[in-house]
Amino acid sequence: MWDALKSIPASMRSWQDNREQVYNVVATLAATLVISATVTGSRPSDVVAAVADSVGLTSVDVWLRSGAPPFISASMRQLHDGMVIATVLLFVFMALVPVMQTRHDDEQLLGLRLIRLLGSPAASTLWILLLIAAQHGSLRSDLAAWRSTLSAIAAWAVAGVILACVAYASARRSRAQDLIRPLLAAPIRASWRLLLGASTALIAVLLAAIAFPLAVASWMCALESDSARRSRRQADETLAQLWQPPSGAKPMA
């Protein structure tokens, strides 16, 4: 445990080797601030200031409330709108790219392409964009608009499925199902793939918010100690050094 704690400063300094872990911490902090600011109706800087004041860091509280630079203290509506648009575009990009890359291979879509979204930097970046947007404007109106849009899309999707089922049932009664089946197969398949991509993107974004706590919980539940892991690694390295690959030469008589 102490070895893991001692390695934290070195991991923070070694960005190239540990950028994923560092970015997970940043994403978790950003998600926490975004959710807290949205629930309380304040800005992320106000949340940090309140926490700093509660733990006795009065200077940080005073600086954030009265001495912070304009990027933090001022509210820029255009920047807020730009970050919200960038967030939507990034989410759409996350949902559509795996679907488009595997448009002729459903098995690959279900296997690798969507799984790669889980833990991707794009999911963490979305929380960073939302953090900037929340700092310069409330996200409540945007969330309401997104909820209305998703509700409308869901209603149209349900209506489309019902109409497709009615059309297929009518065609089957008239024994014309072979004619209508190709017409319904393409839109149903496309809708299913888009729904799968959007659902996986949403799960990836939610997991990015708790990536660091999950990593800590996984480490705490590990069944192997640091000393055992280090001994096993040293044994593997020793065996790798002693093992010589066959050269293919015949032994001399």
Protein backbone atom coordinates (compact mmCIF):
# COMPACT_ATOMS: atom_id res chain seq x y z
CA MET A 1 0.00 0.00 0.00
CA TRP A 2 2.79 2.41 0.95
CA ASP A 3 4.54 1.68 -2.34
CA ALA A 4 1.37 2.66 -4.19
CA LEU A 5 1.07 5.90 -2.20
CA LYS A 6 4.74 6.74 -2.76
CA SER A 7 4.33 6.20 -6.50
CA ILE A 8 1.59 8.85 -6.82
CA PRO A 9 3.94 11.88 -7.18
CA ALA A 10 6.09 10.03 -9.73
CA SER A 11 2.98 9.01 -11.65
CA MET A 12 1.79 12.61 -11.74
CA ARG A 13 5.15 13.77 -13.08
CA SER A 14 5.32 11.01 -15.69
CA TRP A 15 2.41 12.19 -17.87
CA GLN A 16 3.43 10.22 -20.94
CA ASP A 17 3.44 6.93 -19.05
CA ASN A 18 0.42 7.54 -16.81
CA ARG A 19 -1.71 10.02 -18.74
CA GLU A 20 -4.74 7.72 -18.65
CA GLN A 21 -4.74 7.51 -14.83
CA VAL A 22 -4.19 11.26 -14.47
CA TYR A 23 -6.96 12.02 -16.95
CA ASN A 24 -9.31 9.70 -15.05
CA VAL A 25 -8.71 11.77 -11.92
CA VAL A 26 -9.38 14.98 -13.83
CA ALA A 27 -12.57 13.56 -15.37
CA THR A 28 -13.86 12.41 -11.98
CA LEU A 29 -13.21 15.83 -10.44
CA ALA A 30 -14.86 17.57 -13.40
CA ALA A 31 -17.92 15.30 -13.22
CA THR A 32 -18.23 15.89 -9.47
CA LEU A 33 -18.10 19.65 -9.92
CA VAL A 34 -20.55 19.61 -12.83
CA ILE A 35 -23.10 17.52 -10.95
CA SER A 36 -22.70 19.54 -7.74
CA ALA A 37 -23.02 22.85 -9.58
CA THR A 38 -26.09 21.69 -11.50
CA VAL A 39 -27.84 20.38 -8.38
CA THR A 40 -27.10 23.47 -6.27
CA GLY A 41 -27.65 25.96 -9.08
CA SER A 42 -24.21 27.52 -8.56
CA ARG A 43 -20.97 27.51 -10.53
CA PRO A 44 -18.14 24.98 -10.17
CA SER A 45 -15.83 27.66 -8.77
CA ASP A 46 -18.42 28.43 -6.09
CA VAL A 47 -18.53 24.75 -5.17
CA VAL A 48 -14.74 24.65 -4.84
CA ALA A 49 -14.81 27.85 -2.80
CA ALA A 50 -17.42 26.40 -0.42
CA VAL A 51 -15.40 23.22 0.04
CA ALA A 52 -12.20 25.22 0.59
CA ASP A 53 -13.92 27.37 3.21
CA SER A 54 -15.32 24.31 4.99
CA VAL A 55 -11.85 22.76 5.36
CA GLY A 56 -10.24 26.01 6.50
CA LEU A 57 -8.63 27.16 3.25
CA THR A 58 -9.98 30.69 3.58
CA SER A 59 -7.42 32.17 1.19
CA VAL A 60 -8.58 29.88 -1.62
CA ASP A 61 -12.18 30.79 -0.91
CA VAL A 62 -11.43 34.53 -1.00
CA TRP A 63 -9.36 34.21 -4.18
CA LEU A 64 -12.06 32.28 -6.04
CA ARG A 65 -14.81 34.70 -5.01
CA SER A 66 -13.00 38.03 -5.46
CA GLY A 67 -9.54 37.63 -6.95
CA ALA A 68 -9.93 35.04 -9.67
CA PRO A 69 -9.11 35.95 -13.31
CA PRO A 70 -11.98 36.90 -15.65
CA PHE A 71 -12.07 33.44 -17.22
CA ILE A 72 -13.22 32.10 -13.85
CA SER A 73 -15.03 35.05 -12.31
CA ALA A 74 -16.92 36.31 -15.39
CA SER A 75 -19.78 34.54 -17.13
CA MET A 76 -19.31 34.28 -20.89
CA ARG A 77 -22.54 33.14 -22.47
CA GLN A 78 -20.97 32.59 -25.88
CA LEU A 79 -18.35 30.32 -24.37
CA HIS A 80 -21.07 28.41 -22.54
CA ASP A 81 -23.05 27.90 -25.75
CA GLY A 82 -19.90 26.87 -27.64
CA MET A 83 -18.98 24.26 -25.03
CA VAL A 84 -22.53 22.87 -25.02
CA ILE A 85 -22.46 22.53 -28.82
CA ALA A 86 -19.02 20.90 -28.63
CA THR A 87 -20.35 18.47 -26.02
CA VAL A 88 -23.27 17.46 -28.23
CA LEU A 89 -21.02 17.04 -31.27
CA LEU A 90 -18.54 14.94 -29.32
CA PHE A 91 -21.30 12.67 -28.02
CA VAL A 92 -22.73 12.26 -31.53
CA PHE A 93 -19.21 11.51 -32.78
CA MET A 94 -18.78 8.85 -30.10
CA ALA A 95 -22.10 7.24 -30.99
CA LEU A 96 -21.80 7.36 -34.78
CA VAL A 97 -18.16 6.54 -35.52
CA PRO A 98 -18.24 2.89 -34.31
CA VAL A 99 -21.54 2.40 -36.13
CA MET A 100 -20.19 3.82 -39.39
CA GLN A 101 -16.92 1.90 -39.16
CA THR A 102 -18.78 -1.41 -38.83
CA ARG A 103 -21.77 -0.71 -41.07
CA HIS A 104 -21.19 -4.02 -42.90
CA ASP A 105 -20.24 -6.11 -39.85
CA ASP A 106 -22.68 -6.39 -36.94
CA GLU A 107 -20.49 -8.86 -35.06
CA GLN A 108 -17.56 -6.44 -35.01
CA LEU A 109 -19.86 -3.67 -33.78
CA LEU A 110 -21.06 -5.79 -30.87
CA GLY A 111 -17.57 -7.09 -30.19
CA LEU A 112 -14.78 -4.53 -30.36
CA ARG A 113 -15.86 -1.16 -31.69
CA LEU A 114 -18.33 -0.27 -28.96
CA ILE A 115 -16.24 -1.74 -26.14
CA ARG A 116 -13.42 0.63 -27.10
CA LEU A 117 -15.63 3.55 -26.07
CA LEU A 118 -15.51 2.40 -22.45
CA GLY A 119 -12.64 4.21 -20.78
CA SER A 120 -11.84 6.27 -23.88
CA PRO A 121 -10.41 9.80 -23.50
CA ALA A 122 -13.38 11.16 -25.45
CA ALA A 123 -15.75 10.23 -22.60
CA SER A 124 -13.54 12.06 -20.10
CA THR A 125 -13.17 15.05 -22.41
CA LEU A 126 -16.95 15.42 -22.48
CA TRP A 127 -16.94 16.12 -18.74
CA ILE A 128 -14.22 18.74 -19.20
CA LEU A 129 -16.35 20.51 -21.79
CA LEU A 130 -19.36 20.38 -19.48
CA LEU A 131 -17.24 21.82 -16.65
CA ILE A 132 -16.31 24.85 -18.75
CA ALA A 133 -19.92 25.25 -19.85
CA ALA A 134 -21.19 25.04 -16.25
CA GLN A 135 -18.68 27.70 -15.17
CA HIS A 136 -20.12 30.21 -17.64
CA GLY A 137 -23.81 29.38 -17.48
CA SER A 138 -26.36 27.06 -15.94
CA LEU A 139 -26.76 23.63 -17.50
CA ARG A 140 -30.32 23.19 -16.26
CA SER A 141 -31.92 24.72 -19.36
CA ASP A 142 -29.65 22.64 -21.59
CA LEU A 143 -30.54 19.46 -19.70
CA ALA A 144 -34.22 20.29 -20.07
CA ALA A 145 -33.75 20.79 -23.83
CA TRP A 146 -31.83 17.51 -24.15
CA ARG A 147 -34.53 15.70 -22.18
CA SER A 148 -37.24 17.10 -24.45
CA THR A 149 -35.28 16.11 -27.56
CA LEU A 150 -34.65 12.60 -26.29
CA SER A 151 -38.31 12.23 -25.32
CA ALA A 152 -39.39 13.30 -28.81
CA ILE A 153 -36.93 10.89 -30.44
CA ALA A 154 -38.11 8.06 -28.18
CA ALA A 155 -41.76 8.82 -28.98
CA TRP A 156 -41.09 8.80 -32.72
CA ALA A 157 -39.08 5.60 -32.39
CA VAL A 158 -41.88 3.85 -30.51
CA ALA A 159 -44.42 5.09 -33.05
CA GLY A 160 -42.22 3.83 -35.88
CA VAL A 161 -41.88 0.39 -34.29
CA ILE A 162 -45.64 0.18 -33.80
CA LEU A 163 -46.31 1.19 -37.40
CA ALA A 164 -43.73 -1.31 -38.64
CA CYS A 165 -45.35 -4.09 -36.62
CA VAL A 166 -48.81 -3.17 -37.89
CA ALA A 167 -47.58 -3.01 -41.48
CA TYR A 168 -45.85 -6.36 -41.19
CA ALA A 169 -48.90 -7.97 -39.55
CA SER A 170 -51.15 -6.63 -42.31
CA ALA A 171 -48.77 -7.83 -44.99
CA ARG A 172 -48.56 -11.24 -43.37
CA ARG A 173 -52.33 -11.59 -43.36
CA SER A 174 -52.36 -10.85 -47.07
CA ARG A 175 -49.33 -13.15 -47.59
CA ALA A 176 -47.20 -10.26 -48.85
CA GLN A 177 -44.65 -10.35 -46.04
CA ASP A 178 -41.84 -11.25 -48.44
CA LEU A 179 -42.40 -7.95 -50.25
CA ILE A 180 -42.51 -5.69 -47.22
CA ARG A 181 -39.81 -7.40 -45.18
CA PRO A 182 -36.89 -5.90 -47.19
CA LEU A 183 -38.45 -2.44 -46.86
CA LEU A 184 -38.66 -2.69 -43.08
CA ALA A 185 -35.36 -4.48 -42.50
CA ALA A 186 -33.09 -1.55 -43.42
CA PRO A 187 -34.65 1.15 -41.20
CA ILE A 188 -35.08 -1.27 -38.29
CA ARG A 189 -31.44 -2.37 -38.54
CA ALA A 190 -30.22 1.23 -38.77
CA SER A 191 -32.34 2.29 -35.79
CA TRP A 192 -31.07 -0.62 -33.73
CA ARG A 193 -27.44 0.15 -34.51
CA LEU A 194 -27.87 3.87 -33.69
CA LEU A 195 -29.60 3.03 -30.41
CA LEU A 196 -26.79 0.64 -29.52
CA GLY A 197 -24.14 3.24 -30.32
CA ALA A 198 -25.87 5.99 -28.34
CA SER A 199 -26.44 3.70 -25.34
CA THR A 200 -22.80 2.62 -25.26
CA ALA A 201 -21.61 6.22 -25.57
CA LEU A 202 -23.82 7.19 -22.64
CA ILE A 203 -22.49 4.31 -20.54
CA ALA A 204 -18.92 5.34 -21.41
CA VAL A 205 -19.61 8.92 -20.27
CA LEU A 206 -21.14 7.74 -16.98
CA LEU A 207 -18.23 5.36 -16.33
CA ALA A 208 -15.74 8.17 -17.00
CA ALA A 209 -17.29 10.07 -14.09
CA ILE A 210 -16.46 7.25 -11.66
CA ALA A 211 -13.33 5.85 -13.33
CA PHE A 212 -10.98 6.92 -10.54
CA PRO A 213 -13.17 5.65 -7.66
CA LEU A 214 -13.56 2.36 -9.53
CA ALA A 215 -9.78 2.10 -9.92
CA VAL A 216 -9.29 2.77 -6.20
CA ALA A 217 -11.96 0.21 -5.29
CA SER A 218 -10.37 -2.35 -7.62
CA TRP A 219 -6.97 -1.79 -6.00
CA MET A 220 -8.45 -2.09 -2.49
CA CYS A 221 -10.13 -5.39 -3.43
CA ALA A 222 -7.01 -6.84 -5.06
CA LEU A 223 -6.09 -10.31 -3.79
CA GLU A 224 -2.35 -9.86 -4.32
CA SER A 225 -0.10 -7.68 -2.19
CA ASP A 226 2.40 -5.21 -3.58
CA SER A 227 5.34 -7.33 -2.38
CA ALA A 228 3.92 -10.48 -4.00
CA ARG A 229 3.28 -8.62 -7.24
CA ARG A 230 6.83 -7.25 -7.19
CA SER A 231 8.31 -10.69 -6.49
CA ARG A 232 6.31 -12.24 -9.30
CA ARG A 233 7.43 -9.52 -11.71
CA GLN A 234 11.08 -10.04 -10.74
CA ALA A 235 10.72 -13.81 -11.21
CA ASP A 236 9.21 -13.31 -14.65
CA GLU A 237 12.04 -10.97 -15.64
CA THR A 238 14.65 -13.48 -14.41
CA LEU A 239 13.05 -16.30 -16.39
CA ALA A 240 12.91 -14.10 -19.48
CA GLN A 241 16.63 -13.35 -19.18
CA LEU A 242 17.58 -17.02 -18.65
CA TRP A 243 15.45 -18.33 -21.51
CA GLN A 244 17.30 -18.48 -24.81
CA PRO A 245 15.29 -18.84 -28.04
CA PRO A 246 16.28 -21.79 -30.25
CA SER A 247 18.82 -20.79 -32.89
CA GLY A 248 18.01 -23.58 -35.32
CA ALA A 249 21.62 -24.74 -35.52
CA LYS A 250 22.31 -28.48 -35.36
CA PRO A 251 24.37 -29.71 -32.39
CA MET A 252 27.94 -30.65 -33.25
CA ALA A 253 28.87 -34.35 -32.96
